[in-house]
């Protein structure tokens, strides 16, 4: 039976509508199982004394999602800056790893782990060494990020690499934070916060995470 022209147009319109609905449904499913699923496999662990590293960690989470975890010690460092400097120097010299209060359940579920920390004495802070030693991150992608008082990352990124021999280490990010010695505490705020957020987006874009 030959279709009339109006009926043929009606059939084509119906088929187009069905195809469009199917495509929209597929896109919705992909969206639900894509970025959200990936974000669920991201862990962002950070150590922060003056809240600058915390600020960076929150910006990363805002950009890529994931679970945010602050490292806490069973016995916190002294509030006095000089006392903390002396204790950290002693721990670095002896190789002592301070016990952590922070415990992460089912760390195997995460494929990608951001590790954030300040530079202490040009080295990786002992609590972050504790975290990397206590948790098997083999097979995971590790992404370091750092804040410092203007003296750079020191040996921090290299130590992360040494403590995670079975992991894939991506390019890290570093920015100027506080300098507690001089009374400069939270510095990543206002215009500096906006600048840092832009840098983080560029960094994560370079890593093809956004």
C-alpha atoms as a PDB file:
ATOM      1  CA  UNK A   1       0.000   0.000   0.000  1.00  0.00           C
ATOM      2  CA  UNK A   2       1.436   3.381  -0.989  1.00  0.00           C
ATOM      3  CA  UNK A   3       1.482   6.040   1.733  1.00  0.00           C
ATOM      4  CA  UNK A   4       0.052   9.448   0.980  1.00  0.00           C
ATOM      5  CA  UNK A   5       2.425  12.374   1.371  1.00  0.00           C
ATOM      6  CA  UNK A   6       0.880  13.718   4.633  1.00  0.00           C
ATOM      7  CA  UNK A   7       0.901  10.248   6.196  1.00  0.00           C
ATOM      8  CA  UNK A   8       4.544   9.693   5.184  1.00  0.00           C
ATOM      9  CA  UNK A   9       5.512  12.977   6.818  1.00  0.00           C
ATOM     10  CA  UNK A  10       3.641  12.001   9.982  1.00  0.00           C
ATOM     11  CA  UNK A  11       5.477   8.653  10.142  1.00  0.00           C
ATOM     12  CA  UNK A  12       8.861  10.320   9.677  1.00  0.00           C
ATOM     13  CA  UNK A  13       8.061  12.815  12.426  1.00  0.00           C
ATOM     14  CA  UNK A  14       7.095   9.947  14.769  1.00  0.00           C
ATOM     15  CA  UNK A  15      10.306   8.051  14.065  1.00  0.00           C
ATOM     16  CA  UNK A  16      12.362  11.216  14.663  1.00  0.00           C
ATOM     17  CA  UNK A  17      10.621  11.793  18.006  1.00  0.00           C
ATOM     18  CA  UNK A  18      11.310   8.220  19.146  1.00  0.00           C
ATOM     19  CA  UNK A  19      14.968   8.571  18.141  1.00  0.00           C
ATOM     20  CA  UNK A  20      15.321  11.878  19.984  1.00  0.00           C
ATOM     21  CA  UNK A  21      13.789  10.457  23.176  1.00  0.00           C
ATOM     22  CA  UNK A  22      16.086   7.437  23.009  1.00  0.00           C
ATOM     23  CA  UNK A  23      19.124   9.682  22.536  1.00  0.00           C
ATOM     24  CA  UNK A  24      18.107  11.905  25.461  1.00  0.00           C
ATOM     25  CA  UNK A  25      17.646   8.882  27.688  1.00  0.00           C
ATOM     26  CA  UNK A  26      21.084   7.554  26.719  1.00  0.00           C
ATOM     27  CA  UNK A  27      22.693  10.915  27.432  1.00  0.00           C
ATOM     28  CA  UNK A  28      20.996  11.005  30.848  1.00  0.00           C
ATOM     29  CA  UNK A  29      22.238   7.522  31.694  1.00  0.00           C
ATOM     30  CA  UNK A  30      25.764   8.393  30.556  1.00  0.00           C
ATOM     31  CA  UNK A  31      25.708  11.519  32.687  1.00  0.00           C
ATOM     32  CA  UNK A  32      24.558   9.573  35.738  1.00  0.00           C
ATOM     33  CA  UNK A  33      27.170   6.863  35.393  1.00  0.00           C
ATOM     34  CA  UNK A  34      29.979   9.060  34.096  1.00  0.00           C
ATOM     35  CA  UNK A  35      31.229  12.040  36.139  1.00  0.00           C
ATOM     36  CA  UNK A  36      29.340  11.066  39.318  1.00  0.00           C
ATOM     37  CA  UNK A  37      30.670   7.533  39.211  1.00  0.00           C
ATOM     38  CA  UNK A  38      34.183   8.836  38.614  1.00  0.00           C
ATOM     39  CA  UNK A  39      33.852  11.332  41.477  1.00  0.00           C
ATOM     40  CA  UNK A  40      32.865   8.493  43.774  1.00  0.00           C
ATOM     41  CA  UNK A  41      36.261   6.918  43.155  1.00  0.00           C
ATOM     42  CA  UNK A  42      38.265  10.042  44.046  1.00  0.00           C
ATOM     43  CA  UNK A  43      39.755  10.531  47.514  1.00  0.00           C
ATOM     44  CA  UNK A  44      41.213  13.881  48.594  1.00  0.00           C
ATOM     45  CA  UNK A  45      43.381  13.566  51.700  1.00  0.00           C
ATOM     46  CA  UNK A  46      45.048  16.623  53.169  1.00  0.00           C
ATOM     47  CA  UNK A  47      47.059  17.859  56.148  1.00  0.00           C
ATOM     48  CA  UNK A  48      46.605  21.501  57.054  1.00  0.00           C
ATOM     49  CA  UNK A  49      47.841  23.580  59.986  1.00  0.00           C
ATOM     50  CA  UNK A  50      47.025  27.130  58.846  1.00  0.00           C
ATOM     51  CA  UNK A  51      44.049  26.086  56.665  1.00  0.00           C
ATOM     52  CA  UNK A  52      45.747  26.972  53.381  1.00  0.00           C
ATOM     53  CA  UNK A  53      46.091  23.358  52.254  1.00  0.00           C
ATOM     54  CA  UNK A  54      42.501  22.819  53.368  1.00  0.00           C
ATOM     55  CA  UNK A  55      41.406  25.680  51.102  1.00  0.00           C
ATOM     56  CA  UNK A  56      43.149  24.086  48.115  1.00  0.00           C
ATOM     57  CA  UNK A  57      41.661  20.668  48.929  1.00  0.00           C
ATOM     58  CA  UNK A  58      38.161  22.156  48.998  1.00  0.00           C
ATOM     59  CA  UNK A  59      38.758  23.828  45.629  1.00  0.00           C
ATOM     60  CA  UNK A  60      39.826  20.506  44.136  1.00  0.00           C
ATOM     61  CA  UNK A  61      36.718  18.816  45.502  1.00  0.00           C
ATOM     62  CA  UNK A  62      34.553  21.627  44.136  1.00  0.00           C
ATOM     63  CA  UNK A  63      36.069  21.041  40.694  1.00  0.00           C
ATOM     64  CA  UNK A  64      36.213  17.232  40.426  1.00  0.00           C
ATOM     65  CA  UNK A  65      34.121  15.944  43.337  1.00  0.00           C
ATOM     66  CA  UNK A  66      35.278  13.063  45.502  1.00  0.00           C
ATOM     67  CA  UNK A  67      35.552  12.390  49.234  1.00  0.00           C
ATOM     68  CA  UNK A  68      37.403  14.949  51.337  1.00  0.00           C
ATOM     69  CA  UNK A  69      39.337  13.702  54.386  1.00  0.00           C
ATOM     70  CA  UNK A  70      41.489  15.731  56.801  1.00  0.00           C
ATOM     71  CA  UNK A  71      44.435  13.977  58.429  1.00  0.00           C
ATOM     72  CA  UNK A  72      44.275  14.158  62.208  1.00  0.00           C
ATOM     73  CA  UNK A  73      46.832  12.852  64.671  1.00  0.00           C
ATOM     74  CA  UNK A  74      46.126  10.823  67.775  1.00  0.00           C
ATOM     75  CA  UNK A  75      48.249  13.390  69.632  1.00  0.00           C
ATOM     76  CA  UNK A  76      48.082  16.787  67.891  1.00  0.00           C
ATOM     77  CA  UNK A  77      51.177  18.942  67.536  1.00  0.00           C
ATOM     78  CA  UNK A  78      51.630  21.797  70.031  1.00  0.00           C
ATOM     79  CA  UNK A  79      49.892  25.056  69.254  1.00  0.00           C
ATOM     80  CA  UNK A  80      53.210  26.825  69.777  1.00  0.00           C
ATOM     81  CA  UNK A  81      54.946  27.118  66.426  1.00  0.00           C
ATOM     82  CA  UNK A  82      58.525  26.763  67.663  1.00  0.00           C
ATOM     83  CA  UNK A  83      57.623  23.686  69.729  1.00  0.00           C
ATOM     84  CA  UNK A  84      56.080  22.094  66.645  1.00  0.00           C
ATOM     85  CA  UNK A  85      59.150  22.921  64.543  1.00  0.00           C
ATOM     86  CA  UNK A  86      61.386  21.218  67.102  1.00  0.00           C
ATOM     87  CA  UNK A  87      59.153  18.140  67.308  1.00  0.00           C
ATOM     88  CA  UNK A  88      58.914  17.764  63.528  1.00  0.00           C
ATOM     89  CA  UNK A  89      62.698  18.118  63.163  1.00  0.00           C
ATOM     90  CA  UNK A  90      63.158  15.344  65.729  1.00  0.00           C
ATOM     91  CA  UNK A  91      60.641  13.105  63.943  1.00  0.00           C
ATOM     92  CA  UNK A  92      62.331  13.656  60.591  1.00  0.00           C
ATOM     93  CA  UNK A  93      65.736  12.854  62.050  1.00  0.00           C
ATOM     94  CA  UNK A  94      64.598   9.655  63.785  1.00  0.00           C
ATOM     95  CA  UNK A  95      62.153   8.525  61.100  1.00  0.00           C
ATOM     96  CA  UNK A  96      59.323   8.467  63.631  1.00  0.00           C
ATOM     97  CA  UNK A  97      55.849   8.243  62.084  1.00  0.00           C
ATOM     98  CA  UNK A  98      53.178   9.781  64.337  1.00  0.00           C
ATOM     99  CA  UNK A  99      50.045   7.623  64.798  1.00  0.00           C
ATOM    100  CA  UNK A 100      46.983   8.943  62.995  1.00  0.00           C
ATOM    101  CA  UNK A 101      43.509   9.353  64.360  1.00  0.00           C
ATOM    102  CA  UNK A 102      42.237   9.383  60.786  1.00  0.00           C
ATOM    103  CA  UNK A 103      41.215   5.981  59.440  1.00  0.00           C
ATOM    104  CA  UNK A 104      39.850   5.494  55.929  1.00  0.00           C
ATOM    105  CA  UNK A 105      37.510   2.559  55.456  1.00  0.00           C
ATOM    106  CA  UNK A 106      37.655   0.587  52.210  1.00  0.00           C
ATOM    107  CA  UNK A 107      40.442   2.599  50.642  1.00  0.00           C
ATOM    108  CA  UNK A 108      40.474  -0.014  47.861  1.00  0.00           C
ATOM    109  CA  UNK A 109      37.322   1.572  46.402  1.00  0.00           C
ATOM    110  CA  UNK A 110      39.260   4.675  45.331  1.00  0.00           C
ATOM    111  CA  UNK A 111      41.120   4.750  42.022  1.00  0.00           C
ATOM    112  CA  UNK A 112      42.553   8.239  42.370  1.00  0.00           C
ATOM    113  CA  UNK A 113      43.993   9.801  45.521  1.00  0.00           C
ATOM    114  CA  UNK A 114      44.904  13.475  45.877  1.00  0.00           C
ATOM    115  CA  UNK A 115      47.361  14.025  48.733  1.00  0.00           C
ATOM    116  CA  UNK A 116      47.802  17.565  50.010  1.00  0.00           C
ATOM    117  CA  UNK A 117      50.263  18.972  52.516  1.00  0.00           C
ATOM    118  CA  UNK A 118      52.343  22.009  53.451  1.00  0.00           C
ATOM    119  CA  UNK A 119      56.120  22.014  53.187  1.00  0.00           C
ATOM    120  CA  UNK A 120      57.630  21.560  56.665  1.00  0.00           C
ATOM    121  CA  UNK A 121      61.387  22.060  56.934  1.00  0.00           C
ATOM    122  CA  UNK A 122      61.591  21.549  53.141  1.00  0.00           C
ATOM    123  CA  UNK A 123      60.295  18.008  53.677  1.00  0.00           C
ATOM    124  CA  UNK A 124      57.058  16.036  53.566  1.00  0.00           C
ATOM    125  CA  UNK A 125      55.327  16.379  56.957  1.00  0.00           C
ATOM    126  CA  UNK A 126      55.619  13.248  59.137  1.00  0.00           C
ATOM    127  CA  UNK A 127      51.803  12.769  59.362  1.00  0.00           C
ATOM    128  CA  UNK A 128      51.588  12.515  55.566  1.00  0.00           C
ATOM    129  CA  UNK A 129      54.433  10.004  55.629  1.00  0.00           C
ATOM    130  CA  UNK A 130      52.367   8.043  58.163  1.00  0.00           C
ATOM    131  CA  UNK A 131      49.356   8.059  55.842  1.00  0.00           C
ATOM    132  CA  UNK A 132      51.330   6.909  52.810  1.00  0.00           C
ATOM    133  CA  UNK A 133      53.083   4.206  54.831  1.00  0.00           C
ATOM    134  CA  UNK A 134      49.935   2.889  56.504  1.00  0.00           C
ATOM    135  CA  UNK A 135      47.805   2.653  53.365  1.00  0.00           C
ATOM    136  CA  UNK A 136      48.550   0.484  50.351  1.00  0.00           C
ATOM    137  CA  UNK A 137      48.019   2.735  47.339  1.00  0.00           C
ATOM    138  CA  UNK A 138      49.496   0.329  44.804  1.00  0.00           C
ATOM    139  CA  UNK A 139      47.790   0.515  41.427  1.00  0.00           C
ATOM    140  CA  UNK A 140      46.179   3.866  42.200  1.00  0.00           C
ATOM    141  CA  UNK A 141      46.812   7.247  40.621  1.00  0.00           C
ATOM    142  CA  UNK A 142      48.335   9.677  43.116  1.00  0.00           C
ATOM    143  CA  UNK A 143      48.161  13.439  42.622  1.00  0.00           C
ATOM    144  CA  UNK A 144      50.101  15.596  45.115  1.00  0.00           C
ATOM    145  CA  UNK A 145      49.314  19.211  45.933  1.00  0.00           C
ATOM    146  CA  UNK A 146      51.226  21.567  48.182  1.00  0.00           C
ATOM    147  CA  UNK A 147      51.208  24.912  49.955  1.00  0.00           C
ATOM    148  CA  UNK A 148      54.340  26.563  51.261  1.00  0.00           C
ATOM    149  CA  UNK A 149      55.665  29.730  52.795  1.00  0.00           C
ATOM    150  CA  UNK A 150      57.493  30.810  49.666  1.00  0.00           C
ATOM    151  CA  UNK A 151      60.360  28.319  49.712  1.00  0.00           C
ATOM    152  CA  UNK A 152      58.797  25.802  47.341  1.00  0.00           C
ATOM    153  CA  UNK A 153      58.030  22.101  47.572  1.00  0.00           C
ATOM    154  CA  UNK A 154      61.465  20.990  48.785  1.00  0.00           C
ATOM    155  CA  UNK A 155      61.700  17.194  48.623  1.00  0.00           C
ATOM    156  CA  UNK A 156      57.978  16.663  49.274  1.00  0.00           C
ATOM    157  CA  UNK A 157      56.861  15.460  45.833  1.00  0.00           C
ATOM    158  CA  UNK A 158      59.889  13.201  45.482  1.00  0.00           C
ATOM    159  CA  UNK A 159      59.146  11.631  48.873  1.00  0.00           C
ATOM    160  CA  UNK A 160      55.566  10.940  47.779  1.00  0.00           C
ATOM    161  CA  UNK A 161      56.979   9.156  44.756  1.00  0.00           C
ATOM    162  CA  UNK A 162      59.351   7.108  46.914  1.00  0.00           C
ATOM    163  CA  UNK A 163      56.606   6.088  49.344  1.00  0.00           C
ATOM    164  CA  UNK A 164      54.226   5.051  46.538  1.00  0.00           C
ATOM    165  CA  UNK A 165      56.417   2.863  44.295  1.00  0.00           C
ATOM    166  CA  UNK A 166      53.470   0.895  42.962  1.00  0.00           C
ATOM    167  CA  UNK A 167      51.367   3.946  42.109  1.00  0.00           C
ATOM    168  CA  UNK A 168      51.117   6.223  39.119  1.00  0.00           C
ATOM    169  CA  UNK A 169      52.168   9.726  40.195  1.00  0.00           C
ATOM    170  CA  UNK A 170      50.783  12.642  38.199  1.00  0.00           C
ATOM    171  CA  UNK A 171      52.068  16.207  38.001  1.00  0.00           C
ATOM    172  CA  UNK A 172      51.465  18.023  41.261  1.00  0.00           C
ATOM    173  CA  UNK A 173      50.325  21.532  42.102  1.00  0.00           C
ATOM    174  CA  UNK A 174      51.960  24.007  44.482  1.00  0.00           C
ATOM    175  CA  UNK A 175      51.103  27.516  45.605  1.00  0.00           C
ATOM    176  CA  UNK A 176      52.173  30.084  48.186  1.00  0.00           C
ATOM    177  CA  UNK A 177      50.259  29.681  51.424  1.00  0.00           C
ATOM    178  CA  UNK A 178      50.901  30.948  54.931  1.00  0.00           C
ATOM    179  CA  UNK A 179      54.145  31.511  56.792  1.00  0.00           C
ATOM    180  CA  UNK A 180      53.308  30.795  60.406  1.00  0.00           C
ATOM    181  CA  UNK A 181      56.766  31.860  61.557  1.00  0.00           C
ATOM    182  CA  UNK A 182      55.936  35.415  60.517  1.00  0.00           C
ATOM    183  CA  UNK A 183      52.349  35.313  61.732  1.00  0.00           C
ATOM    184  CA  UNK A 184      50.925  34.752  58.233  1.00  0.00           C
ATOM    185  CA  UNK A 185      48.195  32.147  58.642  1.00  0.00           C
ATOM    186  CA  UNK A 186      45.307  31.778  56.173  1.00  0.00           C
ATOM    187  CA  UNK A 187      46.558  33.533  53.047  1.00  0.00           C
ATOM    188  CA  UNK A 188      44.450  31.783  50.393  1.00  0.00           C
ATOM    189  CA  UNK A 189      41.467  34.090  50.594  1.00  0.00           C
ATOM    190  CA  UNK A 190      39.846  36.904  48.632  1.00  0.00           C
ATOM    191  CA  UNK A 191      41.817  37.664  45.438  1.00  0.00           C
ATOM    192  CA  UNK A 192      44.440  35.007  46.227  1.00  0.00           C
ATOM    193  CA  UNK A 193      41.641  32.432  46.528  1.00  0.00           C
ATOM    194  CA  UNK A 194      40.206  33.400  43.148  1.00  0.00           C
ATOM    195  CA  UNK A 195      43.653  33.207  41.565  1.00  0.00           C
ATOM    196  CA  UNK A 196      44.293  29.821  43.154  1.00  0.00           C
ATOM    197  CA  UNK A 197      40.960  28.464  41.945  1.00  0.00           C
ATOM    198  CA  UNK A 198      41.816  29.501  38.377  1.00  0.00           C
ATOM    199  CA  UNK A 199      45.233  27.847  38.643  1.00  0.00           C
ATOM    200  CA  UNK A 200      43.688  24.657  39.969  1.00  0.00           C
ATOM    201  CA  UNK A 201      41.252  24.509  37.063  1.00  0.00           C
ATOM    202  CA  UNK A 202      44.116  24.966  34.596  1.00  0.00           C
ATOM    203  CA  UNK A 203      46.150  22.276  36.375  1.00  0.00           C
ATOM    204  CA  UNK A 204      43.298  19.777  36.441  1.00  0.00           C
ATOM    205  CA  UNK A 205      42.492  20.595  32.834  1.00  0.00           C
ATOM    206  CA  UNK A 206      46.084  19.817  31.897  1.00  0.00           C
ATOM    207  CA  UNK A 207      45.673  16.465  33.663  1.00  0.00           C
ATOM    208  CA  UNK A 208      42.484  15.961  31.596  1.00  0.00           C
ATOM    209  CA  UNK A 209      40.322  15.680  34.685  1.00  0.00           C
ATOM    210  CA  UNK A 210      37.919  18.399  33.589  1.00  0.00           C
END
